[in-house]
PDB file of all heavy atoms in Angstrom:
ATOM      1  N   ASN A   1     133.176 -22.105  12.800  1.00  0.00           N
ATOM      2  CA  ASN A   1     132.402 -22.411  11.597  1.00  0.00           C
ATOM      3  C   ASN A   1     132.293 -23.887  11.251  1.00  0.00           C
ATOM      4  O   ASN A   1     131.402 -24.272  10.492  1.00  0.00           O
ATOM      5  CB  ASN A   1     133.022 -21.682  10.388  1.00  0.00           C
ATOM      6  CG  ASN A   1     133.089 -20.182  10.587  1.00  0.00           C
ATOM      7  OD1 ASN A   1     132.080 -19.516  10.761  1.00  0.00           O
ATOM      8  ND2 ASN A   1     134.299 -19.624  10.571  1.00  0.00           N
ATOM      9  N   SER A   2     133.189 -24.696  11.778  1.00  0.00           N
ATOM     10  CA  SER A   2     133.255 -26.088  11.359  1.00  0.00           C
ATOM     11  C   SER A   2     132.634 -27.000  12.414  1.00  0.00           C
ATOM     12  O   SER A   2     132.118 -26.556  13.433  1.00  0.00           O
ATOM     13  CB  SER A   2     134.718 -26.474  11.103  1.00  0.00           C
ATOM     14  OG  SER A   2     134.827 -27.743  10.507  1.00  0.00           O
ATOM     15  N   SER A   3     132.683 -28.303  12.154  1.00  0.00           N
ATOM     16  CA  SER A   3     132.278 -29.319  13.120  1.00  0.00           C
ATOM     17  C   SER A   3     133.482 -30.207  13.392  1.00  0.00           C
ATOM     18  O   SER A   3     134.447 -30.232  12.627  1.00  0.00           O
ATOM     19  CB  SER A   3     131.120 -30.161  12.580  1.00  0.00           C
ATOM     20  OG  SER A   3     131.545 -30.937  11.458  1.00  0.00           O
ATOM     21  N   PHE A   4     133.398 -30.967  14.474  1.00  0.00           N
ATOM     22  CA  PHE A   4     134.535 -31.812  14.822  1.00  0.00           C
ATOM     23  C   PHE A   4     134.808 -32.862  13.740  1.00  0.00           C
ATOM     24  O   PHE A   4     135.961 -33.105  13.395  1.00  0.00           O
ATOM     25  CB  PHE A   4     134.289 -32.484  16.167  1.00  0.00           C
ATOM     26  CG  PHE A   4     135.432 -33.372  16.597  1.00  0.00           C
ATOM     27  CD1 PHE A   4     136.665 -32.834  16.913  1.00  0.00           C
ATOM     28  CD2 PHE A   4     135.277 -34.749  16.674  1.00  0.00           C
ATOM     29  CE1 PHE A   4     137.729 -33.641  17.306  1.00  0.00           C
ATOM     30  CE2 PHE A   4     136.327 -35.566  17.065  1.00  0.00           C
ATOM     31  CZ  PHE A   4     137.549 -35.013  17.381  1.00  0.00           C
ATOM     32  N   THR A   5     133.769 -33.472  13.206  1.00  0.00           N
ATOM     33  CA  THR A   5     133.993 -34.489  12.179  1.00  0.00           C
ATOM     34  C   THR A   5     134.549 -33.878  10.891  1.00  0.00           C
ATOM     35  O   THR A   5     135.324 -34.517  10.181  1.00  0.00           O
ATOM     36  CB  THR A   5     132.707 -35.274  11.873  1.00  0.00           C
ATOM     37  OG1 THR A   5     131.636 -34.375  11.576  1.00  0.00           O
ATOM     38  CG2 THR A   5     132.334 -36.157  13.053  1.00  0.00           C
ATOM     39  N   GLU A   6     134.171 -32.631  10.598  1.00  0.00           N
ATOM     40  CA  GLU A   6     134.745 -31.950   9.434  1.00  0.00           C
ATOM     41  C   GLU A   6     136.232 -31.694   9.647  1.00  0.00           C
ATOM     42  O   GLU A   6     137.048 -31.873   8.739  1.00  0.00           O
ATOM     43  CB  GLU A   6     134.009 -30.642   9.157  1.00  0.00           C
ATOM     44  CG  GLU A   6     134.452 -29.973   7.850  1.00  0.00           C
ATOM     45  CD  GLU A   6     133.693 -28.705   7.538  1.00  0.00           C
ATOM     46  OE1 GLU A   6     133.402 -27.925   8.478  1.00  0.00           O
ATOM     47  OE2 GLU A   6     133.391 -28.479   6.356  1.00  0.00           O
ATOM     48  N   VAL A   7     136.620 -31.287  10.862  1.00  0.00           N
ATOM     49  CA  VAL A   7     138.025 -31.083  11.188  1.00  0.00           C
ATOM     50  C   VAL A   7     138.778 -32.414  11.141  1.00  0.00           C
ATOM     51  O   VAL A   7     139.922 -32.482  10.680  1.00  0.00           O
ATOM     52  CB  VAL A   7     138.176 -30.406  12.566  1.00  0.00           C
ATOM     53  CG1 VAL A   7     139.636 -30.351  13.002  1.00  0.00           C
ATOM     54  CG2 VAL A   7     137.587 -29.000  12.539  1.00  0.00           C
ATOM     55  N   ALA A   8     138.125 -33.476  11.597  1.00  0.00           N
ATOM     56  CA  ALA A   8     138.731 -34.804  11.523  1.00  0.00           C
ATOM     57  C   ALA A   8     139.019 -35.180  10.068  1.00  0.00           C
ATOM     58  O   ALA A   8     140.098 -35.698   9.745  1.00  0.00           O
ATOM     59  CB  ALA A   8     137.810 -35.841  12.164  1.00  0.00           C
ATOM     60  N   TYR A   9     138.058 -34.939   9.199  1.00  0.00           N
ATOM     61  CA  TYR A   9     138.249 -35.198   7.767  1.00  0.00           C
ATOM     62  C   TYR A   9     139.419 -34.375   7.227  1.00  0.00           C
ATOM     63  O   TYR A   9     140.260 -34.877   6.478  1.00  0.00           O
ATOM     64  CB  TYR A   9     136.961 -34.862   7.010  1.00  0.00           C
ATOM     65  CG  TYR A   9     137.007 -35.185   5.525  1.00  0.00           C
ATOM     66  CD1 TYR A   9     136.401 -36.338   5.038  1.00  0.00           C
ATOM     67  CD2 TYR A   9     137.633 -34.350   4.603  1.00  0.00           C
ATOM     68  CE1 TYR A   9     136.409 -36.651   3.687  1.00  0.00           C
ATOM     69  CE2 TYR A   9     137.666 -34.650   3.244  1.00  0.00           C
ATOM     70  CZ  TYR A   9     137.052 -35.800   2.797  1.00  0.00           C
ATOM     71  OH  TYR A   9     137.073 -36.117   1.450  1.00  0.00           O
ATOM     72  N   LEU A  10     139.462 -33.102   7.612  1.00  0.00           N
ATOM     73  CA  LEU A  10     140.533 -32.207   7.168  1.00  0.00           C
ATOM     74  C   LEU A  10     141.902 -32.737   7.580  1.00  0.00           C
ATOM     75  O   LEU A  10     142.832 -32.779   6.768  1.00  0.00           O
ATOM     76  CB  LEU A  10     140.300 -30.813   7.746  1.00  0.00           C
ATOM     77  CG  LEU A  10     141.424 -29.776   7.578  1.00  0.00           C
ATOM     78  CD1 LEU A  10     141.591 -29.394   6.116  1.00  0.00           C
ATOM     79  CD2 LEU A  10     141.146 -28.537   8.439  1.00  0.00           C
ATOM     80  N   LEU A  11     142.033 -33.139   8.836  1.00  0.00           N
ATOM     81  CA  LEU A  11     143.316 -33.626   9.327  1.00  0.00           C
ATOM     82  C   LEU A  11     143.713 -34.932   8.647  1.00  0.00           C
ATOM     83  O   LEU A  11     144.885 -35.138   8.317  1.00  0.00           O
ATOM     84  CB  LEU A  11     143.266 -33.811  10.845  1.00  0.00           C
ATOM     85  CG  LEU A  11     143.211 -32.521  11.669  1.00  0.00           C
ATOM     86  CD1 LEU A  11     142.940 -32.820  13.138  1.00  0.00           C
ATOM     87  CD2 LEU A  11     144.510 -31.723  11.537  1.00  0.00           C
ATOM     88  N   LEU A  12     142.738 -35.816   8.413  1.00  0.00           N
ATOM     89  CA  LEU A  12     143.027 -37.104   7.802  1.00  0.00           C
ATOM     90  C   LEU A  12     143.309 -36.991   6.305  1.00  0.00           C
ATOM     91  O   LEU A  12     144.234 -37.626   5.788  1.00  0.00           O
ATOM     92  CB  LEU A  12     141.863 -38.072   8.010  1.00  0.00           C
ATOM     93  CG  LEU A  12     141.707 -38.689   9.405  1.00  0.00           C
ATOM     94  CD1 LEU A  12     140.386 -39.450   9.495  1.00  0.00           C
ATOM     95  CD2 LEU A  12     142.862 -39.617   9.733  1.00  0.00           C
ATOM     96  N   ARG A  13     142.512 -36.176   5.601  1.00  0.00           N
ATOM     97  CA  ARG A  13     142.566 -36.161   4.131  1.00  0.00           C
ATOM     98  C   ARG A  13     143.323 -34.971   3.549  1.00  0.00           C
ATOM     99  O   ARG A  13     143.677 -34.982   2.383  1.00  0.00           O
ATOM    100  CB  ARG A  13     141.137 -36.184   3.572  1.00  0.00           C
ATOM    101  CG  ARG A  13     140.248 -37.283   4.121  1.00  0.00           C
ATOM    102  CD  ARG A  13     140.559 -38.641   3.567  1.00  0.00           C
ATOM    103  NE  ARG A  13     139.789 -39.693   4.228  1.00  0.00           N
ATOM    104  CZ  ARG A  13     138.532 -40.012   3.935  1.00  0.00           C
ATOM    105  NH1 ARG A  13     137.890 -39.385   2.948  1.00  0.00           N
ATOM    106  NH2 ARG A  13     137.912 -40.998   4.582  1.00  0.00           N
ATOM    107  N   GLY A  14     143.546 -33.935   4.352  1.00  0.00           N
ATOM    108  CA  GLY A  14     144.332 -32.809   3.865  1.00  0.00           C
ATOM    109  C   GLY A  14     143.545 -31.617   3.374  1.00  0.00           C
ATOM    110  O   GLY A  14     144.077 -30.514   3.265  1.00  0.00           O
ATOM    111  N   GLU A  15     142.265 -31.811   3.029  1.00  0.00           N
ATOM    112  CA  GLU A  15     141.419 -30.729   2.525  1.00  0.00           C
ATOM    113  C   GLU A  15     140.050 -30.792   3.188  1.00  0.00           C
ATOM    114  O   GLU A  15     139.622 -31.855   3.652  1.00  0.00           O
ATOM    115  CB  GLU A  15     141.240 -30.820   0.994  1.00  0.00           C
ATOM    116  CG  GLU A  15     142.530 -30.689   0.191  1.00  0.00           C
ATOM    117  CD  GLU A  15     143.148 -29.296   0.250  1.00  0.00           C
ATOM    118  OE1 GLU A  15     142.411 -28.344   0.609  1.00  0.00           O
ATOM    119  OE2 GLU A  15     144.338 -29.144  -0.072  1.00  0.00           O
ATOM    120  N   LEU A  16     139.363 -29.649   3.235  1.00  0.00           N
ATOM    121  CA  LEU A  16     137.999 -29.633   3.742  1.00  0.00           C
ATOM    122  C   LEU A  16     137.090 -30.390   2.771  1.00  0.00           C
ATOM    123  O   LEU A  16     137.258 -30.297   1.555  1.00  0.00           O
ATOM    124  CB  LEU A  16     137.497 -28.196   3.904  1.00  0.00           C
ATOM    125  CG  LEU A  16     138.078 -27.400   5.072  1.00  0.00           C
ATOM    126  CD1 LEU A  16     137.686 -25.926   4.959  1.00  0.00           C
ATOM    127  CD2 LEU A  16     137.632 -27.952   6.419  1.00  0.00           C
ATOM    128  N   PRO A  17     136.128 -31.143   3.293  1.00  0.00           N
ATOM    129  CA  PRO A  17     135.255 -31.917   2.410  1.00  0.00           C
ATOM    130  C   PRO A  17     134.157 -31.059   1.804  1.00  0.00           C
ATOM    131  O   PRO A  17     133.787 -30.017   2.359  1.00  0.00           O
ATOM    132  CB  PRO A  17     134.662 -32.956   3.365  1.00  0.00           C
ATOM    133  CG  PRO A  17     134.598 -32.225   4.688  1.00  0.00           C
ATOM    134  CD  PRO A  17     135.823 -31.331   4.723  1.00  0.00           C
ATOM    135  N   ASN A  18     133.602 -31.495   0.659  1.00  0.00           N
ATOM    136  CA  ASN A  18     132.368 -30.899   0.195  1.00  0.00           C
ATOM    137  C   ASN A  18     131.213 -31.580   0.933  1.00  0.00           C
ATOM    138  O   ASN A  18     131.420 -32.486   1.758  1.00  0.00           O
ATOM    139  CB  ASN A  18     132.226 -31.008  -1.329  1.00  0.00           C
ATOM    140  CG  ASN A  18     132.240 -32.449  -1.831  1.00  0.00           C
ATOM    141  OD1 ASN A  18     131.750 -33.363  -1.153  1.00  0.00           O
ATOM    142  ND2 ASN A  18     132.779 -32.663  -3.027  1.00  0.00           N
ATOM    143  N   ALA A  19     129.986 -31.173   0.642  1.00  0.00           N
ATOM    144  CA  ALA A  19     128.833 -31.673   1.389  1.00  0.00           C
ATOM    145  C   ALA A  19     128.695 -33.189   1.273  1.00  0.00           C
ATOM    146  O   ALA A  19     128.419 -33.884   2.256  1.00  0.00           O
ATOM    147  CB  ALA A  19     127.560 -30.985   0.906  1.00  0.00           C
ATOM    148  N   GLU A  20     128.899 -33.723   0.056  1.00  0.00           N
ATOM    149  CA  GLU A  20     128.763 -35.170  -0.154  1.00  0.00           C
ATOM    150  C   GLU A  20     129.864 -35.938   0.572  1.00  0.00           C
ATOM    151  O   GLU A  20     129.595 -36.979   1.197  1.00  0.00           O
ATOM    152  CB  GLU A  20     128.808 -35.477  -1.655  1.00  0.00           C
ATOM    153  CG  GLU A  20     128.575 -36.950  -1.977  1.00  0.00           C
ATOM    154  CD  GLU A  20     128.618 -37.248  -3.471  1.00  0.00           C
ATOM    155  OE1 GLU A  20     128.701 -36.279  -4.270  1.00  0.00           O
ATOM    156  OE2 GLU A  20     128.576 -38.434  -3.858  1.00  0.00           O
ATOM    157  N   GLU A  21     131.099 -35.448   0.502  1.00  0.00           N
ATOM    158  CA  GLU A  21     132.220 -36.113   1.169  1.00  0.00           C
ATOM    159  C   GLU A  21     132.044 -36.129   2.684  1.00  0.00           C
ATOM    160  O   GLU A  21     132.319 -37.136   3.340  1.00  0.00           O
ATOM    161  CB  GLU A  21     133.532 -35.412   0.795  1.00  0.00           C
ATOM    162  CG  GLU A  21     133.968 -35.633  -0.652  1.00  0.00           C
ATOM    163  CD  GLU A  21     135.089 -34.702  -1.073  1.00  0.00           C
ATOM    164  OE1 GLU A  21     135.243 -33.626  -0.457  1.00  0.00           O
ATOM    165  OE2 GLU A  21     135.798 -35.035  -2.051  1.00  0.00           O
ATOM    166  N   LEU A  22     131.552 -35.015   3.229  1.00  0.00           N
ATOM    167  CA  LEU A  22     131.337 -34.958   4.677  1.00  0.00           C
ATOM    168  C   LEU A  22     130.207 -35.900   5.093  1.00  0.00           C
ATOM    169  O   LEU A  22     130.307 -36.584   6.118  1.00  0.00           O
ATOM    170  CB  LEU A  22     131.022 -33.528   5.114  1.00  0.00           C
ATOM    171  CG  LEU A  22     130.807 -33.325   6.617  1.00  0.00           C
ATOM    172  CD1 LEU A  22     132.042 -33.760   7.417  1.00  0.00           C
ATOM    173  CD2 LEU A  22     130.465 -31.865   6.935  1.00  0.00           C
ATOM    174  N   ALA A  23     129.155 -35.953   4.291  1.00  0.00           N
ATOM    175  CA  ALA A  23     128.038 -36.848   4.593  1.00  0.00           C
ATOM    176  C   ALA A  23     128.499 -38.302   4.583  1.00  0.00           C
ATOM    177  O   ALA A  23     128.124 -39.093   5.464  1.00  0.00           O
ATOM    178  CB  ALA A  23     126.908 -36.641   3.594  1.00  0.00           C
ATOM    179  N   ASP A  24     129.321 -38.677   3.606  1.00  0.00           N
ATOM    180  CA  ASP A  24     129.844 -40.045   3.528  1.00  0.00           C
ATOM    181  C   ASP A  24     130.743 -40.357   4.725  1.00  0.00           C
ATOM    182  O   ASP A  24     130.684 -41.447   5.298  1.00  0.00           O
ATOM    183  CB  ASP A  24     130.631 -40.240   2.223  1.00  0.00           C
ATOM    184  CG  ASP A  24     129.741 -40.311   1.002  1.00  0.00           C
ATOM    185  OD1 ASP A  24     128.515 -40.505   1.164  1.00  0.00           O
ATOM    186  OD2 ASP A  24     130.266 -40.167  -0.134  1.00  0.00           O
ATOM    187  N   PHE A  25     131.581 -39.386   5.102  1.00  0.00           N
ATOM    188  CA  PHE A  25     132.488 -39.572   6.238  1.00  0.00           C
ATOM    189  C   PHE A  25     131.697 -39.729   7.534  1.00  0.00           C
ATOM    190  O   PHE A  25     131.977 -40.634   8.338  1.00  0.00           O
ATOM    191  CB  PHE A  25     133.450 -38.392   6.334  1.00  0.00           C
ATOM    192  CG  PHE A  25     134.479 -38.520   7.426  1.00  0.00           C
ATOM    193  CD1 PHE A  25     135.535 -39.418   7.307  1.00  0.00           C
ATOM    194  CD2 PHE A  25     134.407 -37.732   8.567  1.00  0.00           C
ATOM    195  CE1 PHE A  25     136.489 -39.538   8.314  1.00  0.00           C
ATOM    196  CE2 PHE A  25     135.353 -37.839   9.571  1.00  0.00           C
ATOM    197  CZ  PHE A  25     136.399 -38.738   9.440  1.00  0.00           C
ATOM    198  N   ASN A  26     130.697 -38.870   7.739  1.00  0.00           N
ATOM    199  CA  ASN A  26     129.855 -38.964   8.934  1.00  0.00           C
ATOM    200  C   ASN A  26     129.120 -40.307   8.985  1.00  0.00           C
ATOM    201  O   ASN A  26     128.967 -40.910  10.051  1.00  0.00           O
ATOM    202  CB  ASN A  26     128.852 -37.816   8.970  1.00  0.00           C
ATOM    203  CG  ASN A  26     129.478 -36.506   9.415  1.00  0.00           C
ATOM    204  OD1 ASN A  26     130.471 -36.485  10.146  1.00  0.00           O
ATOM    205  ND2 ASN A  26     128.900 -35.387   8.984  1.00  0.00           N
ATOM    206  N   TYR A  27     128.658 -40.775   7.814  1.00  0.00           N
ATOM    207  CA  TYR A  27     127.969 -42.060   7.735  1.00  0.00           C
ATOM    208  C   TYR A  27     128.906 -43.189   8.178  1.00  0.00           C
ATOM    209  O   TYR A  27     128.510 -44.062   8.966  1.00  0.00           O
ATOM    210  CB  TYR A  27     127.484 -42.292   6.302  1.00  0.00           C
ATOM    211  CG  TYR A  27     126.717 -43.589   6.111  1.00  0.00           C
ATOM    212  CD1 TYR A  27     125.333 -43.622   6.268  1.00  0.00           C
ATOM    213  CD2 TYR A  27     127.381 -44.768   5.762  1.00  0.00           C
ATOM    214  CE1 TYR A  27     124.619 -44.810   6.091  1.00  0.00           C
ATOM    215  CE2 TYR A  27     126.680 -45.955   5.580  1.00  0.00           C
ATOM    216  CZ  TYR A  27     125.311 -45.970   5.750  1.00  0.00           C
ATOM    217  OH  TYR A  27     124.610 -47.151   5.580  1.00  0.00           O
ATOM    218  N   THR A  28     130.145 -43.153   7.680  1.00  0.00           N
ATOM    219  CA  THR A  28     131.123 -44.187   8.020  1.00  0.00           C
ATOM    220  C   THR A  28     131.442 -44.186   9.509  1.00  0.00           C
ATOM    221  O   THR A  28     131.452 -45.231  10.162  1.00  0.00           O
ATOM    222  CB  THR A  28     132.414 -43.988   7.206  1.00  0.00           C
ATOM    223  OG1 THR A  28     132.131 -44.081   5.814  1.00  0.00           O
ATOM    224  CG2 THR A  28     133.465 -45.028   7.579  1.00  0.00           C
ATOM    225  N   ILE A  29     131.719 -42.996  10.045  1.00  0.00           N
ATOM    226  CA  ILE A  29     132.067 -42.894  11.463  1.00  0.00           C
ATOM    227  C   ILE A  29     130.891 -43.335  12.335  1.00  0.00           C
ATOM    228  O   ILE A  29     131.066 -44.097  13.301  1.00  0.00           O
ATOM    229  CB  ILE A  29     132.504 -41.462  11.816  1.00  0.00           C
ATOM    230  CG1 ILE A  29     133.781 -41.073  11.055  1.00  0.00           C
ATOM    231  CG2 ILE A  29     132.713 -41.312  13.314  1.00  0.00           C
ATOM    232  CD1 ILE A  29     134.969 -41.955  11.341  1.00  0.00           C
TER     233      ILE A  29
END
């Protein structure tokens, strides 16, 4: 169900991101 960058966010931050948080993280990466 997830994507690799979403799992990366989860491992780094401790929680699954919402849509805005994931978009910001993907933008940064």
